[in-house]
């Protein structure tokens, strides 16, 4: 199944709002770190419900910005969730970004980069459209060190790129981006039951749940265009 078909189905089922709620636990911390100034342009790759741009518009007064998603249904939903004239949502391909060189101040992507079929080309496109000094904030839960997320591949009918932290850094550098930061953001809002409550419906051991949410959480890699 294509990425578009997979996430068109998710959007039709209303799963975009559920993704927004779950991702927000760590996304809000990563978004708060972005050096965004009033009036600047932000591109959100894999925008889903469009929540990241709505948050940045409300809290950071960003200028005309674009959310791009492979799913036309996700884009339709995102448009319906706001009447903010400065926010635009488009269906498109990460490997062919519809922007001129040096046109974007900052790029954000949450739980989307690993769906890219050609991630090297995506990073080259990101480098192309970022202005000098612009940043790319890439946040993912699905990565090699977080072993308890690997089963997600079985639940999604599209291929996912399972990279470790070093490979993210190497790929950013190969595309011409300086790696300014890389760390993990724990999810402290997911409630972890006491040991005697395990096994639960989803977890055999409490230690596994702690590892997933508190130890690893979300991997954030920040690239800066020279």
Protein backbone atom coordinates (compact mmCIF):
# COMPACT_ATOMS: atom_id res chain seq x y z
CA UNK A 1 0.00 0.00 0.00
CA UNK A 2 1.20 3.54 -0.72
CA UNK A 3 1.77 6.09 2.02
CA UNK A 4 -1.08 8.15 0.56
CA UNK A 5 -3.54 5.25 0.62
CA UNK A 6 -2.53 4.23 4.16
CA UNK A 7 -3.02 7.67 5.61
CA UNK A 8 -6.07 8.53 3.56
CA UNK A 9 -7.68 5.60 5.37
CA UNK A 10 -6.41 6.87 8.74
CA UNK A 11 -7.82 10.34 8.05
CA UNK A 12 -11.19 8.94 6.98
CA UNK A 13 -11.33 7.03 10.26
CA UNK A 14 -10.53 10.16 12.28
CA UNK A 15 -7.16 8.83 13.43
CA UNK A 16 -5.46 12.13 12.67
CA UNK A 17 -6.84 13.64 15.88
CA UNK A 18 -5.62 10.65 17.87
CA UNK A 19 -2.13 11.04 16.37
CA UNK A 20 -2.18 14.72 17.28
CA UNK A 21 -3.07 13.95 20.89
CA UNK A 22 -0.35 11.30 21.30
CA UNK A 23 2.38 13.21 19.50
CA UNK A 24 1.71 16.41 21.42
CA UNK A 25 3.21 14.94 24.60
CA UNK A 26 6.73 15.35 23.22
CA UNK A 27 6.08 17.55 20.18
CA UNK A 28 5.36 20.57 22.37
CA UNK A 29 8.82 20.33 23.95
CA UNK A 30 10.54 20.06 20.58
CA UNK A 31 8.50 22.90 19.09
CA UNK A 32 9.41 25.12 22.03
CA UNK A 33 13.09 24.70 21.12
CA UNK A 34 12.69 25.92 17.54
CA UNK A 35 14.34 29.33 17.06
CA UNK A 36 11.30 30.71 15.24
CA UNK A 37 10.72 34.44 15.13
CA UNK A 38 7.53 36.32 14.33
CA UNK A 39 6.74 36.43 10.62
CA UNK A 40 9.03 33.57 9.63
CA UNK A 41 7.98 30.78 7.29
CA UNK A 42 7.69 27.20 8.55
CA UNK A 43 7.23 24.07 6.46
CA UNK A 44 5.65 21.08 8.24
CA UNK A 45 6.49 17.80 6.50
CA UNK A 46 3.91 15.12 7.20
CA UNK A 47 1.55 17.67 8.69
CA UNK A 48 -1.30 15.27 9.50
CA UNK A 49 -3.99 17.30 11.27
CA UNK A 50 -1.85 20.43 10.96
CA UNK A 51 -1.50 20.85 14.72
CA UNK A 52 2.15 21.94 14.69
CA UNK A 53 1.56 24.95 12.46
CA UNK A 54 -1.54 25.93 14.40
CA UNK A 55 0.48 25.85 17.62
CA UNK A 56 3.36 27.87 16.13
CA UNK A 57 0.96 30.43 14.71
CA UNK A 58 -0.69 30.86 18.10
CA UNK A 59 2.43 30.89 20.26
CA UNK A 60 5.18 32.23 17.97
CA UNK A 61 3.28 34.40 15.48
CA UNK A 62 4.77 32.63 12.45
CA UNK A 63 4.10 34.09 9.01
CA UNK A 64 2.78 32.40 5.88
CA UNK A 65 3.53 28.70 6.39
CA UNK A 66 2.77 25.40 4.71
CA UNK A 67 1.85 21.92 5.90
CA UNK A 68 2.69 19.23 3.34
CA UNK A 69 1.32 15.69 3.47
CA UNK A 70 1.22 12.75 1.07
CA UNK A 71 -2.38 12.11 2.07
CA UNK A 72 -4.99 14.28 0.38
CA UNK A 73 -7.49 13.27 3.06
CA UNK A 74 -5.15 14.44 5.82
CA UNK A 75 -4.72 17.74 3.98
CA UNK A 76 -8.48 18.15 3.67
CA UNK A 77 -8.92 17.51 7.39
CA UNK A 78 -6.13 19.93 8.32
CA UNK A 79 -7.74 22.68 6.26
CA UNK A 80 -11.04 22.11 8.01
CA UNK A 81 -9.50 22.54 11.46
CA UNK A 82 -8.47 26.18 10.99
CA UNK A 83 -9.58 29.37 9.31
CA UNK A 84 -6.14 30.97 9.71
CA UNK A 85 -5.37 32.63 6.37
CA UNK A 86 -1.59 32.43 6.80
CA UNK A 87 -1.59 28.63 7.06
CA UNK A 88 -1.80 26.59 3.87
CA UNK A 89 -2.04 22.80 3.60
CA UNK A 90 -0.93 20.96 0.47
CA UNK A 91 -0.71 17.38 -0.77
CA UNK A 92 2.73 16.61 -2.11
CA UNK A 93 5.88 14.54 -2.28
CA UNK A 94 8.72 15.10 0.20
CA UNK A 95 11.22 14.28 -2.57
CA UNK A 96 10.02 17.18 -4.74
CA UNK A 97 9.31 20.13 -2.47
CA UNK A 98 7.33 22.85 -4.32
CA UNK A 99 9.51 25.74 -3.17
CA UNK A 100 12.37 27.79 -4.55
CA UNK A 101 15.89 27.58 -3.15
CA UNK A 102 16.42 29.28 0.23
CA UNK A 103 12.68 29.96 0.56
CA UNK A 104 11.94 28.46 3.98
CA UNK A 105 13.08 29.68 7.40
CA UNK A 106 12.42 26.48 9.36
CA UNK A 107 11.20 22.94 8.70
CA UNK A 108 9.42 20.70 11.18
CA UNK A 109 8.61 17.00 10.84
CA UNK A 110 7.04 14.74 13.49
CA UNK A 111 6.59 11.01 12.97
CA UNK A 112 6.85 11.25 9.18
CA UNK A 113 10.46 11.20 8.00
CA UNK A 114 10.82 7.42 8.28
CA UNK A 115 8.09 6.91 5.66
CA UNK A 116 10.30 8.49 2.96
CA UNK A 117 11.22 5.95 0.27
CA UNK A 118 14.36 7.95 -0.58
CA UNK A 119 15.38 9.76 2.63
CA UNK A 120 18.68 11.00 1.18
CA UNK A 121 16.82 12.89 -1.56
CA UNK A 122 14.37 14.28 1.00
CA UNK A 123 17.26 15.67 3.05
CA UNK A 124 18.83 17.18 -0.07
CA UNK A 125 15.50 18.88 -0.83
CA UNK A 126 15.30 20.14 2.74
CA UNK A 127 18.80 21.58 2.46
CA UNK A 128 17.88 23.19 -0.89
CA UNK A 129 14.80 25.03 0.32
CA UNK A 130 16.17 26.12 3.71
CA UNK A 131 17.64 29.59 3.91
CA UNK A 132 21.18 29.91 5.36
CA UNK A 133 20.83 29.51 9.11
CA UNK A 134 17.45 27.81 8.76
CA UNK A 135 16.72 24.74 10.86
CA UNK A 136 15.23 21.30 10.33
CA UNK A 137 13.67 19.77 13.45
CA UNK A 138 13.13 16.05 12.86
CA UNK A 139 11.24 14.18 15.60
CA UNK A 140 10.66 10.41 15.48
CA UNK A 141 9.49 7.74 17.90
CA UNK A 142 10.38 4.85 15.58
CA UNK A 143 14.16 4.44 15.72
CA UNK A 144 16.63 1.62 16.28
CA UNK A 145 17.50 2.22 19.92
CA UNK A 146 13.82 2.30 20.95
CA UNK A 147 13.27 -1.42 20.54
CA UNK A 148 9.70 -1.43 21.78
CA UNK A 149 8.56 0.71 18.85
CA UNK A 150 9.83 -1.72 16.21
CA UNK A 151 6.56 -3.63 16.18
CA UNK A 152 4.91 -0.61 14.60
CA UNK A 153 6.19 -1.78 11.23
CA UNK A 154 3.84 -4.76 11.53
CA UNK A 155 0.89 -2.41 12.03
CA UNK A 156 1.54 -0.16 9.04
CA UNK A 157 1.30 -1.45 5.49
CA UNK A 158 4.13 0.71 4.12
CA UNK A 159 7.89 0.34 4.52
CA UNK A 160 9.46 2.36 7.33
CA UNK A 161 13.12 3.40 7.65
CA UNK A 162 14.50 2.06 10.96
CA UNK A 163 17.58 4.24 11.56
CA UNK A 164 19.69 4.63 14.66
CA UNK A 165 20.83 7.96 16.06
CA UNK A 166 24.20 7.88 14.34
CA UNK A 167 22.64 7.22 10.94
CA UNK A 168 20.40 10.27 11.34
CA UNK A 169 23.45 12.40 12.10
CA UNK A 170 25.42 10.96 9.18
CA UNK A 171 22.53 11.46 6.74
CA UNK A 172 22.00 15.06 7.83
CA UNK A 173 25.69 15.83 7.35
CA UNK A 174 25.80 14.07 3.97
CA UNK A 175 23.01 16.36 2.78
CA UNK A 176 24.96 19.44 3.87
CA UNK A 177 23.24 20.15 7.17
CA UNK A 178 25.16 20.84 10.38
CA UNK A 179 23.86 18.72 13.27
CA UNK A 180 23.23 21.24 16.03
CA UNK A 181 21.46 18.96 18.49
CA UNK A 182 20.36 15.38 18.98
CA UNK A 183 18.67 14.01 22.08
CA UNK A 184 15.65 12.09 23.26
CA UNK A 185 12.57 13.65 24.84
CA UNK A 186 10.81 11.36 27.33
CA UNK A 187 7.05 11.10 27.28
CA UNK A 188 6.08 11.95 30.86
CA UNK A 189 2.34 12.16 30.23
CA UNK A 190 1.68 8.51 29.44
CA UNK A 191 0.64 6.94 32.73
CA UNK A 192 2.68 3.87 33.66
CA UNK A 193 0.81 1.56 36.06
CA UNK A 194 2.49 0.01 39.10
CA UNK A 195 4.38 -3.26 38.67
CA UNK A 196 1.59 -5.37 40.12
CA UNK A 197 -0.74 -4.26 37.29
CA UNK A 198 1.34 -6.08 34.68
CA UNK A 199 0.93 -7.77 32.31
CA UNK A 200 -1.57 -5.36 30.75
CA UNK A 201 -3.41 -5.63 27.45
CA UNK A 202 -0.50 -3.97 25.63
CA UNK A 203 2.55 -4.61 27.82
CA UNK A 204 4.01 -7.77 29.35
CA UNK A 205 6.42 -5.96 31.64
CA UNK A 206 6.48 -2.55 33.30
CA UNK A 207 10.18 -2.26 32.43
CA UNK A 208 9.33 -2.38 28.72
CA UNK A 209 6.81 0.43 29.04
CA UNK A 210 9.30 2.53 31.02
CA UNK A 211 11.93 1.91 28.35
CA UNK A 212 9.57 2.99 25.58
CA UNK A 213 8.19 6.16 27.13
CA UNK A 214 10.62 7.36 29.78
CA UNK A 215 13.99 6.11 28.57
CA UNK A 216 13.65 6.79 24.83
CA UNK A 217 10.45 8.70 24.06
CA UNK A 218 11.03 10.81 20.95
CA UNK A 219 14.34 11.20 19.14
CA UNK A 220 14.95 14.80 18.06
CA UNK A 221 17.66 15.58 15.51
CA UNK A 222 18.22 19.23 14.59
CA UNK A 223 19.97 20.24 11.38
CA UNK A 224 21.08 23.75 10.44
CA UNK A 225 21.66 24.96 6.88
CA UNK A 226 25.09 26.63 6.50
